[in-house]
Amino acid sequence: MSTLFTKIINGEIPGRFVWREDDVVAFLTAGPLADGHTLVVPTEEVDRWTDASPELLARVMEVARRIGAVQVDVFGAARAGLIVAGYEINHLHVHVWPSDSMADFDFGAVDQHPDPARLDANAEKLREGLRTAGYAEQVPDA
């Protein structure tokens, strides 16, 4: 049975993609901690991050690193937060978001009802930043 993320990757459920390549994609989360909060997800359905091959995990983390660096720039954050939790959906995913303090790591503060227009604007801002950083080939139009 396909996971929610596989359905998003396959276009069965809409997603705000900011990165797409054969093995790894990234899209904005529907419940953000901050503007630009992104999930980096392998296209292969891997349940736990500890089950991923070293090569796949390295690629997921490299994409997360690139996105995090751009988030810091385009959203004016002090750092990029990163968490691998894996309890919400049984498909490896890395949360990456602009962060200014440890208070930004409180998943109890997730915006449960974000403005869709704001999510669209944040996705476009991040896509543009990624293109400017030299990753245009991996950045979808929308």
N, C-alpha and C. Protein backbone atom coordinates (compact mmCIF):
# COMPACT_ATOMS: atom_id res chain seq x y z
N MET A 1 0.84 -1.19 0.00
CA MET A 1 0.00 0.00 0.00
C MET A 1 0.88 1.25 0.00
N SER A 2 0.58 2.19 -0.86
CA SER A 2 1.37 3.42 -0.98
C SER A 2 1.19 4.32 0.23
N THR A 3 2.28 4.96 0.63
CA THR A 3 2.20 5.93 1.71
C THR A 3 1.64 7.24 1.19
N LEU A 4 1.27 8.11 2.09
CA LEU A 4 0.81 9.46 1.74
C LEU A 4 1.87 10.17 0.90
N PHE A 5 3.14 10.01 1.29
CA PHE A 5 4.21 10.68 0.55
C PHE A 5 4.35 10.12 -0.86
N THR A 6 4.19 8.82 -1.03
CA THR A 6 4.24 8.24 -2.37
C THR A 6 3.12 8.80 -3.22
N LYS A 7 1.95 8.97 -2.64
CA LYS A 7 0.83 9.55 -3.38
C LYS A 7 1.12 10.99 -3.78
N ILE A 8 1.79 11.75 -2.91
CA ILE A 8 2.18 13.12 -3.26
C ILE A 8 3.23 13.08 -4.37
N ILE A 9 4.24 12.22 -4.22
CA ILE A 9 5.30 12.10 -5.22
C ILE A 9 4.73 11.73 -6.59
N ASN A 10 3.74 10.84 -6.60
CA ASN A 10 3.13 10.38 -7.86
C ASN A 10 2.07 11.32 -8.41
N GLY A 11 1.78 12.41 -7.71
CA GLY A 11 0.81 13.38 -8.19
C GLY A 11 -0.64 13.02 -7.89
N GLU A 12 -0.88 11.98 -7.10
CA GLU A 12 -2.24 11.61 -6.72
C GLU A 12 -2.83 12.59 -5.71
N ILE A 13 -1.96 13.23 -4.94
CA ILE A 13 -2.32 14.26 -3.97
C ILE A 13 -1.42 15.45 -4.28
N PRO A 14 -1.97 16.67 -4.29
CA PRO A 14 -1.13 17.82 -4.63
C PRO A 14 -0.04 18.09 -3.58
N GLY A 15 1.07 18.60 -4.06
CA GLY A 15 2.17 18.98 -3.19
C GLY A 15 2.86 20.21 -3.74
N ARG A 16 3.45 20.99 -2.83
CA ARG A 16 4.20 22.19 -3.23
C ARG A 16 5.68 21.81 -3.31
N PHE A 17 6.08 21.26 -4.45
CA PHE A 17 7.44 20.77 -4.63
C PHE A 17 8.43 21.92 -4.81
N VAL A 18 9.59 21.75 -4.18
CA VAL A 18 10.69 22.71 -4.36
C VAL A 18 11.92 22.00 -4.92
N TRP A 19 11.91 20.66 -4.94
CA TRP A 19 13.05 19.88 -5.42
C TRP A 19 12.50 18.57 -5.98
N ARG A 20 13.04 18.15 -7.12
CA ARG A 20 12.64 16.86 -7.67
C ARG A 20 13.80 16.29 -8.47
N GLU A 21 14.18 15.07 -8.12
CA GLU A 21 15.15 14.29 -8.87
C GLU A 21 14.72 12.83 -8.78
N ASP A 22 15.44 11.93 -9.39
CA ASP A 22 15.01 10.52 -9.44
C ASP A 22 14.82 9.90 -8.06
N ASP A 23 15.78 10.11 -7.15
CA ASP A 23 15.78 9.42 -5.87
C ASP A 23 15.19 10.21 -4.70
N VAL A 24 15.15 11.53 -4.82
CA VAL A 24 14.76 12.38 -3.70
C VAL A 24 13.91 13.55 -4.19
N VAL A 25 12.87 13.86 -3.42
CA VAL A 25 12.05 15.03 -3.68
C VAL A 25 11.94 15.84 -2.39
N ALA A 26 11.49 17.07 -2.53
CA ALA A 26 11.23 17.91 -1.36
C ALA A 26 10.02 18.78 -1.65
N PHE A 27 9.15 18.89 -0.65
CA PHE A 27 7.94 19.69 -0.78
C PHE A 27 7.61 20.32 0.56
N LEU A 28 6.88 21.41 0.52
CA LEU A 28 6.49 22.07 1.76
C LEU A 28 5.52 21.19 2.53
N THR A 29 5.65 21.20 3.84
CA THR A 29 4.74 20.46 4.69
C THR A 29 3.40 21.19 4.80
N ALA A 30 2.35 20.45 5.03
CA ALA A 30 1.02 21.05 5.20
C ALA A 30 0.85 21.63 6.60
N GLY A 31 1.76 21.30 7.52
CA GLY A 31 1.71 21.82 8.89
C GLY A 31 3.05 22.40 9.28
N PRO A 32 3.34 23.63 8.85
CA PRO A 32 4.67 24.18 9.05
C PRO A 32 4.96 24.72 10.46
N LEU A 33 6.21 24.61 10.85
CA LEU A 33 6.72 25.26 12.06
C LEU A 33 7.13 26.70 11.75
N ALA A 34 7.49 26.94 10.49
CA ALA A 34 7.96 28.26 10.05
C ALA A 34 7.74 28.36 8.55
N ASP A 35 7.79 29.58 8.03
CA ASP A 35 7.71 29.78 6.59
C ASP A 35 8.82 28.98 5.92
N GLY A 36 8.45 28.23 4.89
CA GLY A 36 9.44 27.46 4.14
C GLY A 36 9.72 26.07 4.68
N HIS A 37 9.02 25.64 5.73
CA HIS A 37 9.24 24.30 6.32
C HIS A 37 9.03 23.25 5.24
N THR A 38 10.07 22.47 4.99
CA THR A 38 10.12 21.53 3.88
C THR A 38 10.38 20.11 4.37
N LEU A 39 9.81 19.15 3.67
CA LEU A 39 10.10 17.74 3.92
C LEU A 39 10.93 17.21 2.77
N VAL A 40 12.05 16.59 3.09
CA VAL A 40 12.91 15.95 2.09
C VAL A 40 12.64 14.46 2.20
N VAL A 41 12.25 13.85 1.07
CA VAL A 41 11.70 12.49 1.08
C VAL A 41 12.31 11.67 -0.06
N PRO A 42 12.79 10.46 0.22
CA PRO A 42 13.23 9.61 -0.88
C PRO A 42 12.01 9.11 -1.66
N THR A 43 12.16 8.90 -2.95
CA THR A 43 11.06 8.38 -3.74
C THR A 43 10.80 6.91 -3.39
N GLU A 44 11.82 6.22 -2.93
CA GLU A 44 11.67 4.83 -2.47
C GLU A 44 10.99 4.83 -1.11
N GLU A 45 10.04 3.94 -0.92
CA GLU A 45 9.37 3.84 0.37
C GLU A 45 10.27 3.10 1.36
N VAL A 46 10.90 3.87 2.22
CA VAL A 46 11.73 3.35 3.30
C VAL A 46 11.06 3.80 4.59
N ASP A 47 10.75 2.87 5.48
CA ASP A 47 10.03 3.21 6.71
C ASP A 47 10.89 4.03 7.66
N ARG A 48 11.93 3.47 8.19
CA ARG A 48 12.78 4.14 9.18
C ARG A 48 14.08 4.61 8.52
N TRP A 49 14.58 5.74 8.99
CA TRP A 49 15.83 6.25 8.41
C TRP A 49 16.96 5.26 8.60
N THR A 50 16.90 4.45 9.65
CA THR A 50 17.95 3.47 9.89
C THR A 50 17.89 2.29 8.91
N ASP A 51 16.79 2.19 8.16
CA ASP A 51 16.65 1.14 7.14
C ASP A 51 17.15 1.59 5.77
N ALA A 52 17.43 2.86 5.60
CA ALA A 52 17.86 3.38 4.30
C ALA A 52 19.30 2.94 4.01
N SER A 53 19.58 2.75 2.75
CA SER A 53 20.97 2.45 2.37
C SER A 53 21.82 3.67 2.69
N PRO A 54 23.11 3.47 2.96
CA PRO A 54 23.98 4.61 3.23
C PRO A 54 23.97 5.63 2.09
N GLU A 55 23.88 5.15 0.85
CA GLU A 55 23.89 6.06 -0.29
C GLU A 55 22.61 6.90 -0.34
N LEU A 56 21.47 6.26 -0.10
CA LEU A 56 20.21 7.00 -0.13
C LEU A 56 20.14 8.00 1.02
N LEU A 57 20.53 7.58 2.19
CA LEU A 57 20.51 8.49 3.34
C LEU A 57 21.45 9.67 3.10
N ALA A 58 22.60 9.41 2.53
CA ALA A 58 23.53 10.51 2.22
C ALA A 58 22.90 11.48 1.23
N ARG A 59 22.19 10.98 0.23
CA ARG A 59 21.57 11.86 -0.76
C ARG A 59 20.45 12.69 -0.12
N VAL A 60 19.62 12.05 0.71
CA VAL A 60 18.56 12.78 1.41
C VAL A 60 19.17 13.91 2.24
N MET A 61 20.23 13.60 2.97
CA MET A 61 20.85 14.62 3.83
C MET A 61 21.53 15.72 3.01
N GLU A 62 22.09 15.38 1.87
CA GLU A 62 22.71 16.40 1.02
C GLU A 62 21.65 17.35 0.47
N VAL A 63 20.52 16.81 0.04
CA VAL A 63 19.44 17.68 -0.43
C VAL A 63 18.92 18.54 0.72
N ALA A 64 18.78 17.96 1.91
CA ALA A 64 18.34 18.73 3.08
C ALA A 64 19.34 19.85 3.40
N ARG A 65 20.63 19.56 3.27
CA ARG A 65 21.66 20.58 3.53
C ARG A 65 21.54 21.74 2.55
N ARG A 66 21.36 21.42 1.28
CA ARG A 66 21.24 22.46 0.27
C ARG A 66 20.00 23.31 0.50
N ILE A 67 18.88 22.67 0.79
CA ILE A 67 17.64 23.40 1.04
C ILE A 67 17.78 24.25 2.30
N GLY A 68 18.35 23.69 3.35
CA GLY A 68 18.53 24.44 4.59
C GLY A 68 19.38 25.68 4.41
N ALA A 69 20.46 25.57 3.65
CA ALA A 69 21.32 26.74 3.40
C ALA A 69 20.55 27.84 2.68
N VAL A 70 19.72 27.46 1.72
CA VAL A 70 18.92 28.45 0.99
C VAL A 70 17.83 29.03 1.89
N GLN A 71 17.22 28.21 2.74
CA GLN A 71 16.20 28.72 3.67
C GLN A 71 16.78 29.82 4.56
N VAL A 72 17.98 29.60 5.07
CA VAL A 72 18.62 30.61 5.91
C VAL A 72 18.71 31.94 5.16
N ASP A 73 19.12 31.87 3.90
CA ASP A 73 19.26 33.08 3.10
C ASP A 73 17.93 33.74 2.77
N VAL A 74 16.99 32.98 2.22
CA VAL A 74 15.77 33.61 1.70
C VAL A 74 14.76 33.97 2.79
N PHE A 75 14.83 33.29 3.93
CA PHE A 75 13.90 33.61 5.01
C PHE A 75 14.58 34.38 6.15
N GLY A 76 15.86 34.70 6.00
CA GLY A 76 16.57 35.52 6.98
C GLY A 76 16.69 34.88 8.35
N ALA A 77 16.93 33.58 8.39
CA ALA A 77 17.02 32.85 9.65
C ALA A 77 18.47 32.72 10.12
N ALA A 78 18.63 32.47 11.40
CA ALA A 78 19.96 32.26 11.97
C ALA A 78 20.54 30.90 11.56
N ARG A 79 19.67 29.90 11.49
CA ARG A 79 20.08 28.54 11.16
C ARG A 79 18.94 27.81 10.45
N ALA A 80 19.26 26.61 10.00
CA ALA A 80 18.23 25.72 9.47
C ALA A 80 18.04 24.61 10.48
N GLY A 81 16.80 24.41 10.92
CA GLY A 81 16.49 23.30 11.81
C GLY A 81 16.36 22.02 11.00
N LEU A 82 16.67 20.89 11.63
CA LEU A 82 16.56 19.61 10.95
C LEU A 82 16.17 18.55 11.98
N ILE A 83 15.15 17.78 11.66
CA ILE A 83 14.71 16.67 12.51
C ILE A 83 14.28 15.50 11.63
N VAL A 84 14.68 14.31 12.04
CA VAL A 84 14.16 13.08 11.47
C VAL A 84 13.34 12.45 12.59
N ALA A 85 12.03 12.47 12.47
CA ALA A 85 11.17 11.92 13.51
C ALA A 85 10.60 10.58 13.05
N GLY A 86 9.78 10.61 12.03
CA GLY A 86 9.30 9.39 11.43
C GLY A 86 8.10 8.73 12.07
N TYR A 87 7.41 9.42 12.94
CA TYR A 87 6.24 8.81 13.56
C TYR A 87 4.94 9.15 12.85
N GLU A 88 4.91 10.25 12.16
CA GLU A 88 3.66 10.69 11.52
C GLU A 88 3.29 9.82 10.33
N ILE A 89 4.26 9.52 9.50
CA ILE A 89 4.05 8.75 8.26
C ILE A 89 5.21 7.77 8.14
N ASN A 90 4.91 6.52 7.85
CA ASN A 90 5.93 5.48 7.78
C ASN A 90 6.66 5.51 6.43
N HIS A 91 7.29 6.63 6.18
CA HIS A 91 8.07 6.83 4.95
C HIS A 91 9.14 7.86 5.34
N LEU A 92 10.39 7.47 5.28
CA LEU A 92 11.49 8.33 5.67
C LEU A 92 11.28 9.75 5.18
N HIS A 93 11.39 10.72 6.08
CA HIS A 93 11.34 12.13 5.69
C HIS A 93 12.11 12.96 6.70
N VAL A 94 12.75 13.99 6.19
CA VAL A 94 13.55 14.89 7.00
C VAL A 94 12.87 16.25 6.98
N HIS A 95 12.59 16.78 8.16
CA HIS A 95 12.03 18.13 8.29
C HIS A 95 13.18 19.12 8.26
N VAL A 96 13.08 20.16 7.42
CA VAL A 96 14.07 21.23 7.34
C VAL A 96 13.31 22.54 7.33
N TRP A 97 13.70 23.48 8.20
CA TRP A 97 12.98 24.76 8.26
C TRP A 97 13.89 25.85 8.79
N PRO A 98 13.59 27.10 8.45
CA PRO A 98 14.35 28.23 8.98
C PRO A 98 14.11 28.35 10.48
N SER A 99 15.18 28.56 11.24
CA SER A 99 15.08 28.59 12.69
C SER A 99 15.93 29.71 13.28
N ASP A 100 15.40 30.31 14.33
CA ASP A 100 16.16 31.35 15.05
C ASP A 100 16.49 30.96 16.48
N SER A 101 15.87 29.89 17.00
CA SER A 101 16.17 29.45 18.37
C SER A 101 15.64 28.04 18.59
N MET A 102 15.97 27.44 19.72
CA MET A 102 15.48 26.11 20.06
C MET A 102 13.96 26.11 20.22
N ALA A 103 13.36 27.24 20.51
CA ALA A 103 11.91 27.32 20.62
C ALA A 103 11.24 26.95 19.30
N ASP A 104 11.96 27.10 18.19
CA ASP A 104 11.41 26.78 16.87
C ASP A 104 11.32 25.27 16.62
N PHE A 105 11.77 24.45 17.57
CA PHE A 105 11.75 23.00 17.42
C PHE A 105 10.54 22.35 18.11
N ASP A 106 9.59 23.14 18.52
CA ASP A 106 8.42 22.64 19.24
C ASP A 106 7.32 22.24 18.25
N PHE A 107 7.17 20.94 18.02
CA PHE A 107 6.17 20.48 17.08
C PHE A 107 4.75 20.70 17.58
N GLY A 108 4.60 21.08 18.85
CA GLY A 108 3.30 21.47 19.36
C GLY A 108 2.86 22.81 18.82
N ALA A 109 3.80 23.56 18.21
CA ALA A 109 3.51 24.88 17.67
C ALA A 109 3.26 24.87 16.17
N VAL A 110 3.08 23.69 15.60
CA VAL A 110 2.81 23.57 14.16
C VAL A 110 1.54 24.34 13.81
N ASP A 111 1.59 25.05 12.69
CA ASP A 111 0.41 25.76 12.19
C ASP A 111 -0.52 24.72 11.54
N GLN A 112 -1.62 24.43 12.20
CA GLN A 112 -2.55 23.41 11.72
C GLN A 112 -3.41 23.89 10.54
N HIS A 113 -3.52 25.20 10.37
CA HIS A 113 -4.36 25.76 9.31
C HIS A 113 -3.64 26.89 8.59
N PRO A 114 -2.53 26.58 7.93
CA PRO A 114 -1.79 27.64 7.24
C PRO A 114 -2.57 28.20 6.05
N ASP A 115 -2.32 29.45 5.75
CA ASP A 115 -2.94 30.11 4.60
C ASP A 115 -2.35 29.52 3.31
N PRO A 116 -3.17 28.92 2.45
CA PRO A 116 -2.65 28.33 1.21
C PRO A 116 -1.87 29.33 0.35
N ALA A 117 -2.30 30.57 0.31
CA ALA A 117 -1.59 31.57 -0.49
C ALA A 117 -0.19 31.82 0.08
N ARG A 118 -0.09 31.80 1.40
CA ARG A 118 1.23 31.98 2.03
C ARG A 118 2.13 30.78 1.74
N LEU A 119 1.57 29.57 1.80
CA LEU A 119 2.36 28.38 1.45
C LEU A 119 2.85 28.46 0.01
N ASP A 120 1.97 28.87 -0.91
CA ASP A 120 2.36 29.01 -2.31
C ASP A 120 3.49 30.02 -2.46
N ALA A 121 3.37 31.16 -1.78
CA ALA A 121 4.39 32.20 -1.85
C ALA A 121 5.72 31.71 -1.26
N ASN A 122 5.65 30.98 -0.15
CA ASN A 122 6.87 30.45 0.45
C ASN A 122 7.54 29.42 -0.46
N ALA A 123 6.73 28.58 -1.10
CA ALA A 123 7.29 27.60 -2.03
C ALA A 123 7.99 28.30 -3.18
N GLU A 124 7.37 29.32 -3.74
CA GLU A 124 7.99 30.04 -4.85
C GLU A 124 9.26 30.77 -4.41
N LYS A 125 9.23 31.36 -3.23
CA LYS A 125 10.42 32.04 -2.69
C LYS A 125 11.58 31.05 -2.54
N LEU A 126 11.28 29.86 -2.03
CA LEU A 126 12.32 28.85 -1.86
C LEU A 126 12.79 28.31 -3.21
N ARG A 127 11.87 28.08 -4.14
CA ARG A 127 12.28 27.62 -5.48
C ARG A 127 13.21 28.65 -6.13
N GLU A 128 12.84 29.91 -6.04
CA GLU A 128 13.68 30.96 -6.64
C GLU A 128 15.06 30.99 -5.98
N GLY A 129 15.11 30.87 -4.66
CA GLY A 129 16.39 30.83 -3.96
C GLY A 129 17.23 29.64 -4.37
N LEU A 130 16.61 28.49 -4.55
CA LEU A 130 17.33 27.30 -4.99
C LEU A 130 17.86 27.47 -6.41
N ARG A 131 17.06 28.08 -7.28
CA ARG A 131 17.54 28.34 -8.65
C ARG A 131 18.75 29.27 -8.61
N THR A 132 18.65 30.33 -7.83
CA THR A 132 19.75 31.30 -7.71
C THR A 132 21.01 30.64 -7.16
N ALA A 133 20.84 29.66 -6.28
CA ALA A 133 21.98 28.95 -5.68
C ALA A 133 22.60 27.94 -6.63
N GLY A 134 22.04 27.78 -7.82
CA GLY A 134 22.64 26.89 -8.81
C GLY A 134 21.98 25.54 -8.95
N TYR A 135 20.79 25.37 -8.40
CA TYR A 135 20.10 24.09 -8.44
C TYR A 135 18.90 24.08 -9.37
N ALA A 136 18.90 24.92 -10.38
CA ALA A 136 17.73 25.06 -11.26
C ALA A 136 17.30 23.74 -11.88
N GLU A 137 18.23 22.87 -12.17
CA GLU A 137 17.90 21.60 -12.82
C GLU A 137 17.00 20.72 -11.94
N GLN A 138 17.12 20.86 -10.62
CA GLN A 138 16.32 20.05 -9.69
C GLN A 138 15.06 20.75 -9.21
N VAL A 139 14.87 22.01 -9.58
CA VAL A 139 13.76 22.79 -9.09
C VAL A 139 12.61 22.79 -10.10
N PRO A 140 11.46 22.24 -9.72
CA PRO A 140 10.31 22.24 -10.63
C PRO A 140 9.72 23.63 -10.75
N ASP A 141 8.95 23.84 -11.81
CA ASP A 141 8.32 25.15 -12.00
C ASP A 141 7.28 25.44 -10.92
N ALA A 142 6.54 24.45 -10.50
CA ALA A 142 5.56 24.63 -9.41
C ALA A 142 5.10 23.29 -8.90
